[in-house]
Protein backbone atom coordinates (compact mmCIF):
# COMPACT_ATOMS: atom_id res chain seq x y z
CA UNK A 1 0.00 0.00 0.00
CA UNK A 2 1.44 3.38 -1.01
CA UNK A 3 1.95 6.28 1.38
CA UNK A 4 -0.96 8.13 -0.22
CA UNK A 5 -4.01 5.90 -0.44
CA UNK A 6 -7.61 6.55 -1.47
CA UNK A 7 -10.84 4.68 -1.78
CA UNK A 8 -12.75 4.84 -5.02
CA UNK A 9 -15.96 6.60 -4.10
CA UNK A 10 -16.08 10.30 -5.02
CA UNK A 11 -19.39 10.89 -3.27
CA UNK A 12 -18.02 10.51 0.21
CA UNK A 13 -16.57 13.47 2.13
CA UNK A 14 -12.86 13.66 1.36
CA UNK A 15 -10.46 13.56 4.30
CA UNK A 16 -6.74 14.22 3.98
CA UNK A 17 -4.96 12.55 6.89
CA UNK A 18 -1.53 14.06 7.63
CA UNK A 19 -0.51 11.86 10.51
CA UNK A 20 2.18 9.78 12.16
CA UNK A 21 2.39 6.12 11.19
CA UNK A 22 5.02 3.53 12.15
CA UNK A 23 7.93 3.43 12.33
CA UNK A 24 8.82 4.46 14.95
CA UNK A 25 6.23 2.83 17.16
CA UNK A 26 4.61 5.16 19.69
CA UNK A 27 1.03 5.94 20.70
CA UNK A 28 0.23 8.41 17.92
CA UNK A 29 1.73 6.28 15.16
CA UNK A 30 -0.01 3.11 16.36
CA UNK A 31 -3.39 4.87 16.40
CA UNK A 32 -2.59 6.36 13.00
CA UNK A 33 -2.15 2.85 11.64
CA UNK A 34 -5.45 1.79 13.24
CA UNK A 35 -7.18 4.63 11.39
CA UNK A 36 -5.54 3.81 8.08
CA UNK A 37 -6.49 0.12 8.40
CA UNK A 38 -10.08 0.77 9.54
CA UNK A 39 -12.76 -0.49 7.16
CA UNK A 40 -15.38 1.58 8.99
CA UNK A 41 -13.49 4.85 8.51
CA UNK A 42 -12.43 4.13 4.93
CA UNK A 43 -16.01 3.16 4.02
CA UNK A 44 -17.40 6.38 5.52
CA UNK A 45 -14.92 8.81 3.92
CA UNK A 46 -12.79 9.19 0.81
CA UNK A 47 -9.54 8.81 2.73
CA UNK A 48 -6.06 9.91 1.65
CA UNK A 49 -2.99 9.45 3.84
CA UNK A 50 0.34 11.27 4.11
CA UNK A 51 2.82 10.09 6.74
CA UNK A 52 3.90 13.05 8.87
CA UNK A 53 6.80 11.13 10.43
CA UNK A 54 10.38 12.22 9.71
CA UNK A 55 12.06 10.17 12.48
CA UNK A 56 13.50 6.71 11.77
CA UNK A 57 13.31 5.51 15.38
CA UNK A 58 12.55 6.73 18.91
CA UNK A 59 16.10 8.06 19.39
CA UNK A 60 15.74 10.10 16.20
CA UNK A 61 12.67 12.01 17.40
CA UNK A 62 13.42 15.69 17.98
CA UNK A 63 16.75 15.63 16.15
CA UNK A 64 17.52 17.79 13.11
CA UNK A 65 19.77 17.39 10.09
CA UNK A 66 19.87 18.08 6.36
CA UNK A 67 18.20 14.76 5.58
CA UNK A 68 15.24 15.56 7.80
CA UNK A 69 14.85 19.02 6.30
CA UNK A 70 14.80 17.52 2.80
CA UNK A 71 12.24 14.91 3.87
CA UNK A 72 10.10 17.58 5.53
CA UNK A 73 10.11 19.70 2.35
CA UNK A 74 9.20 16.61 0.33
CA UNK A 75 6.17 16.12 2.57
CA UNK A 76 5.21 19.79 2.24
CA UNK A 77 5.08 19.28 -1.54
CA UNK A 78 2.88 16.20 -1.06
CA UNK A 79 0.51 18.17 1.17
CA UNK A 80 0.36 20.97 -1.40
CA UNK A 81 -0.40 18.59 -4.25
CA UNK A 82 -3.02 16.70 -2.22
CA UNK A 83 -4.90 19.85 -1.18
CA UNK A 84 -4.71 21.26 -4.69
CA UNK A 85 -6.09 18.12 -6.33
CA UNK A 86 -8.48 16.80 -3.66
CA UNK A 87 -10.06 19.97 -2.20
CA UNK A 88 -10.66 17.92 0.97
CA UNK A 89 -13.65 18.46 3.24
CA UNK A 90 -11.40 17.82 6.25
CA UNK A 91 -7.66 18.27 6.68
CA UNK A 92 -6.65 16.18 9.67
CA UNK A 93 -3.29 16.27 11.42
CA UNK A 94 -1.65 14.65 14.47
CA UNK A 95 0.90 17.24 15.65
CA UNK A 96 3.20 17.41 18.64
CA UNK A 97 2.48 20.24 21.06
CA UNK A 98 5.89 21.20 22.47
CA UNK A 99 9.60 21.41 21.69
CA UNK A 100 11.26 21.09 18.31
CA UNK A 101 8.67 18.63 16.95
CA UNK A 102 5.94 21.20 17.64
CA UNK A 103 7.82 23.88 15.71
CA UNK A 104 8.11 21.50 12.75
CA UNK A 105 4.47 20.42 12.91
CA UNK A 106 3.27 24.00 13.36
CA UNK A 107 5.17 24.91 10.21
CA UNK A 108 3.53 22.03 8.32
CA UNK A 109 0.10 23.09 9.58
CA UNK A 110 0.81 26.68 8.51
CA UNK A 111 1.67 25.51 5.01
CA UNK A 112 -1.52 23.43 4.92
CA UNK A 113 -3.59 26.47 5.94
CA UNK A 114 -1.98 28.54 3.19
CA UNK A 115 -2.63 25.85 0.58
CA UNK A 116 -6.25 25.51 1.76
CA UNK A 117 -6.74 29.27 1.56
CA UNK A 118 -5.65 29.15 -2.08
CA UNK A 119 -7.29 25.92 -3.26
CA UNK A 120 -9.83 24.67 -0.71
CA UNK A 121 -11.51 27.26 1.49
CA UNK A 122 -14.32 24.82 2.27
CA UNK A 123 -11.87 22.61 4.17
CA UNK A 124 -12.25 22.20 7.90
CA UNK A 125 -9.09 21.64 9.96
CA UNK A 126 -8.89 19.01 12.70
CA UNK A 127 -5.91 18.35 14.94
CA UNK A 128 -5.84 15.14 16.99
CA UNK A 129 -3.62 15.57 20.06
CA UNK A 130 -1.93 12.42 21.34
CA UNK A 131 0.33 14.37 23.68
CA UNK A 132 0.29 17.35 26.00
CA UNK A 133 2.70 20.15 26.89
CA UNK A 134 0.91 23.37 25.95
CA UNK A 135 0.37 24.42 29.55
CA UNK A 136 4.05 23.83 30.29
CA UNK A 137 5.23 25.97 27.35
CA UNK A 138 2.56 28.68 27.12
CA UNK A 139 4.32 31.15 29.45
CA UNK A 140 7.12 31.42 26.90
CA UNK A 141 5.96 34.31 24.70
CA UNK A 142 7.36 32.70 21.55
CA UNK A 143 5.30 29.58 22.11
CA UNK A 144 2.26 31.61 23.13
CA UNK A 145 2.36 33.44 19.80
CA UNK A 146 2.73 30.16 17.91
CA UNK A 147 -0.09 28.50 19.88
CA UNK A 148 -2.53 31.31 19.05
CA UNK A 149 -1.88 30.81 15.35
CA UNK A 150 -1.71 27.03 15.68
CA UNK A 151 -5.15 26.65 17.32
CA UNK A 152 -6.88 29.37 15.28
CA UNK A 153 -10.03 28.13 13.44
CA UNK A 154 -9.27 24.60 14.59
CA UNK A 155 -11.33 21.64 15.74
CA UNK A 156 -9.41 19.62 18.34
CA UNK A 157 -9.82 15.94 19.19
CA UNK A 158 -8.63 15.07 22.70
CA UNK A 159 -8.17 11.64 24.24
CA UNK A 160 -9.83 12.51 27.55
CA UNK A 161 -11.81 15.34 29.12
CA UNK A 162 -9.08 16.11 31.67
CA UNK A 163 -6.71 17.02 28.82
CA UNK A 164 -8.78 20.08 27.94
CA UNK A 165 -7.04 21.95 30.76
CA UNK A 166 -3.83 21.77 28.72
CA UNK A 167 -5.27 23.83 25.82
CA UNK A 168 -8.04 25.81 27.54
CA UNK A 169 -6.18 29.11 27.09
CA UNK A 170 -6.36 28.82 23.29
CA UNK A 171 -9.37 26.66 22.38
CA UNK A 172 -13.07 27.04 23.16
CA UNK A 173 -14.62 23.94 24.69
CA UNK A 174 -17.22 23.97 21.91
CA UNK A 175 -14.43 23.30 19.39
CA UNK A 176 -13.24 20.19 21.26
CA UNK A 177 -14.30 16.58 20.69
CA UNK A 178 -13.40 13.75 23.07
CA UNK A 179 -12.36 10.45 21.50
CA UNK A 180 -10.47 8.02 23.76
CA UNK A 181 -8.07 5.65 22.07
CA UNK A 182 -8.89 1.98 21.72
CA UNK A 183 -6.86 -1.14 21.03
CA UNK A 184 -7.56 -4.44 19.24
CA UNK A 185 -8.69 -7.34 21.36
CA UNK A 186 -6.28 -10.26 21.73
CA UNK A 187 -6.52 -13.74 23.19
CA UNK A 188 -5.97 -13.03 26.87
CA UNK A 189 -7.06 -16.47 28.20
CA UNK A 190 -8.09 -14.82 31.47
CA UNK A 191 -9.95 -17.93 32.55
CA UNK A 192 -6.60 -19.75 32.54
CA UNK A 193 -4.69 -17.02 34.37
CA UNK A 194 -2.53 -18.37 37.17
CA UNK A 195 -1.58 -15.91 39.89
CA UNK A 196 2.06 -16.22 40.78
CA UNK A 197 3.09 -17.41 44.23
CA UNK A 198 5.55 -14.50 44.18
CA UNK A 199 3.68 -11.59 42.49
CA UNK A 200 5.21 -10.11 39.33
CA UNK A 201 5.22 -6.36 38.69
CA UNK A 202 5.46 -5.35 35.03
CA UNK A 203 7.14 -2.31 33.47
CA UNK A 204 6.16 -2.18 29.77
CA UNK A 205 7.69 0.95 28.30
CA UNK A 206 10.88 2.32 26.82
CA UNK A 207 13.73 2.45 29.34
CA UNK A 208 13.59 6.20 29.88
CA UNK A 209 14.21 8.42 32.88
CA UNK A 210 11.08 10.44 32.02
CA UNK A 211 8.96 7.31 32.47
CA UNK A 212 9.86 7.41 36.18
CA UNK A 213 12.56 4.75 35.87
CA UNK A 214 14.72 5.79 38.83
CA UNK A 215 11.75 6.46 41.08
CA UNK A 216 10.39 2.99 40.30
CA UNK A 217 13.75 1.37 41.09
CA UNK A 218 13.84 3.35 44.35
CA UNK A 219 10.32 2.14 45.19
CA UNK A 220 11.35 -1.46 44.51
CA UNK A 221 14.34 -0.98 46.79
CA UNK A 222 12.04 0.31 49.54
CA UNK A 223 9.75 -2.71 49.16
CA UNK A 224 12.70 -5.07 49.20
CA UNK A 225 13.97 -3.56 52.43
CA UNK A 226 10.49 -3.95 53.94
CA UNK A 227 10.65 -7.66 53.17
CA UNK A 228 7.83 -7.58 50.60
CA UNK A 229 8.10 -10.50 48.15
CA UNK A 230 7.89 -9.71 44.42
CA UNK A 231 9.58 -10.02 41.05
CA UNK A 232 9.83 -7.10 38.62
CA UNK A 233 9.98 -7.52 34.84
CA UNK A 234 11.20 -4.67 32.62
CA UNK A 235 10.12 -4.90 28.98
CA UNK A 236 11.05 -2.10 26.58
CA UNK A 237 13.74 -0.70 24.34
CA UNK A 238 16.84 1.15 25.51
CA UNK A 239 16.83 4.82 24.49
CA UNK A 240 19.32 7.67 24.47
CA UNK A 241 18.39 8.66 28.03
CA UNK A 242 20.23 5.74 29.64
CA UNK A 243 22.34 2.88 28.32
CA UNK A 244 21.67 -0.75 29.20
CA UNK A 245 24.92 -0.91 31.16
CA UNK A 246 23.91 2.16 33.19
CA UNK A 247 20.46 0.69 33.77
CA UNK A 248 21.92 -2.60 35.00
CA UNK A 249 24.33 -0.69 37.27
CA UNK A 250 21.38 1.13 38.86
CA UNK A 251 19.67 -2.22 39.52
CA UNK A 252 22.80 -3.71 41.08
CA UNK A 253 23.49 -0.61 43.16
CA UNK A 254 20.09 -0.98 44.83
CA UNK A 255 20.60 -4.69 45.50
CA UNK A 256 17.81 -5.71 43.14
CA UNK A 257 19.70 -7.99 40.74
CA UNK A 258 18.00 -11.16 42.02
CA UNK A 259 14.45 -9.80 41.75
CA UNK A 260 14.58 -7.48 38.72
CA UNK A 261 14.89 -8.84 35.18
CA UNK A 262 15.35 -6.84 31.98
CA UNK A 263 13.99 -8.61 28.91
CA UNK A 264 14.54 -6.06 26.13
CA UNK A 265 11.95 -5.01 23.56
CA UNK A 266 9.06 -7.41 22.95
CA UNK A 267 6.26 -7.23 20.42
CA UNK A 268 3.10 -9.12 19.54
CA UNK A 269 2.61 -12.44 21.32
CA UNK A 270 5.90 -12.15 23.20
CA UNK A 271 4.75 -8.88 24.72
CA UNK A 272 1.33 -10.38 25.47
CA UNK A 273 3.02 -13.24 27.33
CA UNK A 274 4.46 -10.77 29.83
CA UNK A 275 1.07 -9.10 30.30
CA UNK A 276 -0.51 -12.52 30.79
CA UNK A 277 2.07 -13.58 33.38
CA UNK A 278 2.04 -10.29 35.34
CA UNK A 279 0.03 -9.46 38.46
CA UNK A 280 0.46 -5.66 38.56
CA UNK A 281 1.26 -3.02 35.95
CA UNK A 282 3.16 0.19 36.75
CA UNK A 283 3.71 3.44 34.84
CA UNK A 284 5.12 6.21 37.09
CA UNK A 285 5.80 8.66 34.24
CA UNK A 286 6.62 12.34 34.55
CA UNK A 287 4.29 13.11 31.66
CA UNK A 288 1.79 11.17 29.55
CA UNK A 289 -1.37 11.89 27.58
CA UNK A 290 -3.30 8.62 27.21
CA UNK A 291 -0.87 5.66 27.13
CA UNK A 292 -1.96 2.60 25.17
CA UNK A 293 0.05 0.38 27.52
CA UNK A 294 -2.44 1.10 30.28
CA UNK A 295 -5.25 -0.07 28.01
CA UNK A 296 -3.24 -3.24 27.33
CA UNK A 297 -2.86 -3.81 31.07
CA UNK A 298 -6.62 -3.34 31.57
CA UNK A 299 -7.24 -5.76 28.70
CA UNK A 300 -5.27 -8.40 30.61
CA UNK A 301 -7.10 -7.62 33.87
CA UNK A 302 -4.09 -6.06 35.61
CA UNK A 303 -4.46 -3.41 38.34
CA UNK A 304 -2.46 -0.32 37.40
CA UNK A 305 -0.32 2.00 39.50
CA UNK A 306 0.37 5.14 37.45
CA UNK A 307 1.07 8.84 37.72
CA UNK A 308 -2.01 11.07 37.61
CA UNK A 309 -0.71 13.01 34.62
CA UNK A 310 -2.47 14.04 31.41
CA UNK A 311 -5.48 11.86 30.61
CA UNK A 312 -4.59 8.82 32.73
CA UNK A 313 -7.47 9.60 35.12
CA UNK A 314 -9.79 8.88 32.17
CA UNK A 315 -8.38 5.35 32.17
CA UNK A 316 -7.74 4.69 35.87
CA UNK A 317 -10.24 5.50 38.60
CA UNK A 318 -8.21 5.79 41.78
CA UNK A 319 -9.00 2.96 44.16
CA UNK A 320 -11.24 1.17 41.65
CA UNK A 321 -9.07 -0.35 38.92
CA UNK A 322 -5.74 0.94 40.20
CA UNK A 323 -3.99 3.70 42.09
CA UNK A 324 -3.01 7.18 40.88
CA UNK A 325 0.17 8.89 42.08
CA UNK A 326 0.51 12.61 42.73
CA UNK A 327 -2.88 13.67 44.06
CA UNK A 328 -6.51 13.73 42.95
CA UNK A 329 -6.23 16.42 40.25
CA UNK A 330 -4.75 15.52 36.83
CA UNK A 331 -1.30 17.09 36.38
CA UNK A 332 -0.58 18.91 33.11
CA UNK A 333 2.80 20.44 33.89
CA UNK A 334 5.84 18.39 32.90
CA UNK A 335 7.54 19.20 36.22
CA UNK A 336 5.87 16.32 38.10
CA UNK A 337 8.10 13.66 39.68
CA UNK A 338 6.59 10.59 41.39
CA UNK A 339 7.38 10.01 45.06
CA UNK A 340 9.11 6.61 45.45
CA UNK A 341 7.58 6.13 48.92
CA UNK A 342 4.04 6.78 47.63
CA UNK A 343 4.70 4.38 44.77
CA UNK A 344 6.06 1.75 47.17
CA UNK A 345 3.02 2.12 49.45
CA UNK A 346 0.54 1.64 46.58
CA UNK A 347 2.43 -1.37 45.26
CA UNK A 348 2.64 -2.91 48.71
CA UNK A 349 -1.15 -2.75 49.11
CA UNK A 350 -1.57 -4.77 45.93
CA UNK A 351 1.34 -7.13 46.54
CA UNK A 352 0.05 -8.03 49.99
CA UNK A 353 -3.66 -8.24 49.17
CA UNK A 354 -4.32 -10.79 46.43
CA UNK A 355 -8.11 -10.29 46.61
CA UNK A 356 -7.78 -6.52 46.06
CA UNK A 357 -5.35 -7.11 43.22
CA UNK A 358 -7.75 -9.45 41.42
CA UNK A 359 -10.80 -7.25 42.03
CA UNK A 360 -9.10 -4.15 40.63
CA UNK A 361 -7.85 -6.11 37.63
CA UNK A 362 -11.34 -7.39 36.86
CA UNK A 363 -12.73 -3.86 37.07
CA UNK A 364 -10.04 -2.70 34.65
CA UNK A 365 -11.05 -5.41 32.19
CA UNK A 366 -14.70 -4.36 32.47
CA UNK A 367 -13.79 -0.72 31.76
CA UNK A 368 -11.70 -1.77 28.77
CA UNK A 369 -14.59 -3.74 27.29
CA UNK A 370 -17.01 -0.85 27.85
CA UNK A 371 -14.91 2.07 26.62
CA UNK A 372 -11.55 1.22 25.05
CA UNK A 373 -11.95 -1.46 22.39
CA UNK A 374 -10.82 -0.68 18.84
CA UNK A 375 -14.37 -0.87 17.39
CA UNK A 376 -15.50 1.66 20.01
CA UNK A 377 -12.65 3.98 19.04
CA UNK A 378 -13.41 3.63 15.32
CA UNK A 379 -17.09 4.45 15.91
CA UNK A 380 -16.28 7.46 18.11
CA UNK A 381 -13.63 8.72 15.66
CA UNK A 382 -16.00 8.45 12.69
CA UNK A 383 -18.65 10.28 14.70
CA UNK A 384 -16.16 13.03 15.60
CA UNK A 385 -15.32 13.67 11.94
CA UNK A 386 -19.01 13.67 11.03
CA UNK A 387 -19.61 16.25 13.77
CA UNK A 388 -16.87 18.44 12.28
CA UNK A 389 -18.51 18.19 8.84
CA UNK A 390 -21.72 19.57 10.32
CA UNK A 391 -19.98 22.80 11.35
CA UNK A 392 -19.50 25.77 8.99
CA UNK A 393 -16.20 25.96 7.10
CA UNK A 394 -14.02 29.06 7.28
CA UNK A 395 -15.36 30.09 3.87
CA UNK A 396 -18.95 29.62 5.08
CA UNK A 397 -18.26 31.87 8.06
CA UNK A 398 -16.68 34.43 5.74
CA UNK A 399 -19.80 34.48 3.57
CA UNK A 400 -22.03 35.08 6.60
CA UNK A 401 -20.10 38.20 7.58
CA UNK A 402 -20.45 39.82 4.15
């Protein structure tokens, strides 16, 4: 399948998707692939796809270089040609909201707005935010100026209601649609699940400091000193933030070498095996929006201990299907750091109370089935785009003011 793909019908509303698709694999790119592969969405709209990604892998994200500039300009030309020829009803984009990637994506969006003003004034713009960071950067006047232009005349799809706080300064609530992510169902074999005699705690994420790596290791050290029995499995790729040797040194320094195992990156069934064998899932990140790994943990009926950042409170109800770290209010600022003692206390409750652990896991599975399956996401996403089509275009608004 080519990078730009369309379905045959010309009667359907035309949607130009400018979005991240794998590789590299991260939340936005995975959901982008779900959209591209969706029969429901492709049957409802005349869909055309341009891959926004310029990074080759996770370590490459945020880096510059002549090659990336050339690739970016190549994609600008593709966007120009698509808008000129298609005159799309909707121009959809999945941008980053902070740092260098935001500057790049804002530039791409600016080009798309210019091209639409020339060729396709009936187009409606939709940005689908899979990350946060606006509230952290908005006090910088340069970013504030860019954000005002970036969000102007824009419909915004958010992954959870709590994430609106991140963009409230720039976007009216009436221009926001809520569409939680969903994931495909897999064979979990929950009826065959065997709870380990020594409970296993699962880390399923890239090995990054910003995921709360050191705080989690500190919490495990605290539990070990308390005499709490557990095993901890780390599954995820090494990144530029810390080398594998440094990671292993941190484990050894805390005296955790006999109870912590690093397994590297795992995908597909191999990853599912770790979810199936785990008892508790943990994600003590500094910043998140709506991590798919939490949905995977809920799918496998695992209680979750996670930071109350971004939209995680839309996934985890504190004390019901897991525990939230950092207080009752969702945290938007990227300055949050989890408290290792709070993390240790929450984990200890689950490690020492098998009945609570199972009950929370079952509630997580119920919530997944009710709200976070892939068909539910596809239906909600289709409905969101249909809602956007019912609103006046910029050109329609211009005609009203004449």
